[in-house]
Amino acid sequence: MKINFDRRHDLKDLYQVGNVIRDYTNTLYLIVGNVEDGYAMVNLTNNSVTEKTNTLEELADLYGEDEDVLVNAEINVF
């Protein structure tokens, strides 16, 4: 696995479906969801899921921190 970190600080850019976020505790989260069911974050460290929100903006407001970093992860399966 290859992981690169992007230090952009605009939470609206970070909190998009499919993005992986690293927080200040070095925990990784995958942003998931769709318009009908809402949006949530999957904790890739312990396989838990946050509460759903209606919009990505609500998700960023509820869980976003200035220290959050976008992770560019590439998984290669052989």
Protein backbone atom coordinates (compact mmCIF):
# COMPACT_ATOMS: atom_id res chain seq x y z
CA MET A 1 0.00 0.00 0.00
CA LYS A 2 1.26 3.45 -0.87
CA ILE A 3 -0.01 6.38 1.21
CA ASN A 4 0.60 10.08 0.57
CA PHE A 5 -0.80 12.92 2.66
CA ASP A 6 -2.20 16.16 1.24
CA ARG A 7 -2.16 19.07 3.70
CA ARG A 8 -5.12 20.97 2.20
CA HIS A 9 -7.15 22.59 4.97
CA ASP A 10 -10.48 23.36 3.28
CA LEU A 11 -12.82 20.89 4.97
CA LYS A 12 -15.36 21.08 2.13
CA ASP A 13 -12.69 19.73 -0.24
CA LEU A 14 -11.64 17.01 2.19
CA TYR A 15 -15.11 15.73 3.03
CA GLN A 16 -16.17 14.19 -0.29
CA VAL A 17 -17.50 10.66 -0.89
CA GLY A 18 -14.63 8.25 -1.46
CA ASN A 19 -11.98 10.36 0.26
CA VAL A 20 -9.87 8.95 3.07
CA ILE A 21 -9.14 11.37 5.93
CA ARG A 22 -6.49 11.11 8.67
CA ASP A 23 -7.32 12.95 11.89
CA TYR A 24 -5.03 14.25 14.65
CA THR A 25 -5.01 10.81 16.34
CA ASN A 26 -3.73 9.20 13.10
CA THR A 27 -7.06 7.40 12.66
CA LEU A 28 -8.16 6.87 9.05
CA TYR A 29 -11.76 7.48 7.93
CA LEU A 30 -13.47 6.73 4.61
CA ILE A 31 -16.26 9.15 3.60
CA VAL A 32 -19.29 7.15 2.39
CA GLY A 33 -22.89 7.78 1.47
CA ASN A 34 -25.35 9.01 -1.09
CA VAL A 35 -28.11 11.58 -1.36
CA GLU A 36 -30.98 9.27 -0.33
CA ASP A 37 -29.41 7.65 2.74
CA GLY A 38 -27.14 10.41 3.98
CA TYR A 39 -23.40 10.52 4.61
CA ALA A 40 -21.13 9.00 7.24
CA MET A 41 -17.51 8.13 7.96
CA VAL A 42 -16.17 4.59 8.30
CA ASN A 43 -13.36 4.31 10.83
CA LEU A 44 -10.79 2.15 9.03
CA THR A 45 -8.95 1.50 12.29
CA ASN A 46 -11.75 -0.19 14.22
CA ASN A 47 -14.45 -0.71 11.53
CA SER A 48 -17.03 1.52 13.19
CA VAL A 49 -19.35 3.99 11.45
CA THR A 50 -20.25 7.51 12.58
CA GLU A 51 -23.79 8.84 12.74
CA LYS A 52 -25.32 9.72 9.37
CA THR A 53 -25.83 13.31 8.30
CA ASN A 54 -28.04 14.66 5.52
CA THR A 55 -25.27 16.54 3.71
CA LEU A 56 -21.49 16.45 3.35
CA GLU A 57 -21.35 19.96 4.81
CA GLU A 58 -23.06 18.72 7.99
CA LEU A 59 -20.58 15.84 8.16
CA ALA A 60 -17.63 18.24 7.87
CA ASP A 61 -19.15 20.59 10.47
CA LEU A 62 -19.78 17.74 12.91
CA TYR A 63 -16.52 15.79 12.57
CA GLY A 64 -14.07 18.04 10.73
CA GLU A 65 -10.99 19.43 12.46
CA ASP A 66 -8.31 21.81 11.18
CA GLU A 67 -5.71 19.05 11.63
CA ASP A 68 -7.51 16.67 9.22
CA VAL A 69 -5.45 15.59 6.22
CA LEU A 70 -6.55 14.07 2.91
CA VAL A 71 -4.93 10.67 2.37
CA ASN A 72 -4.04 9.55 -1.13
CA ALA A 73 -4.07 5.77 -0.59
CA GLU A 74 -3.39 3.29 -3.35
CA ILE A 75 -4.21 -0.34 -2.69
CA ASN A 76 -2.67 -2.96 -4.95
CA VAL A 77 -4.14 -6.46 -4.85
CA PHE A 78 -2.16 -9.26 -6.45
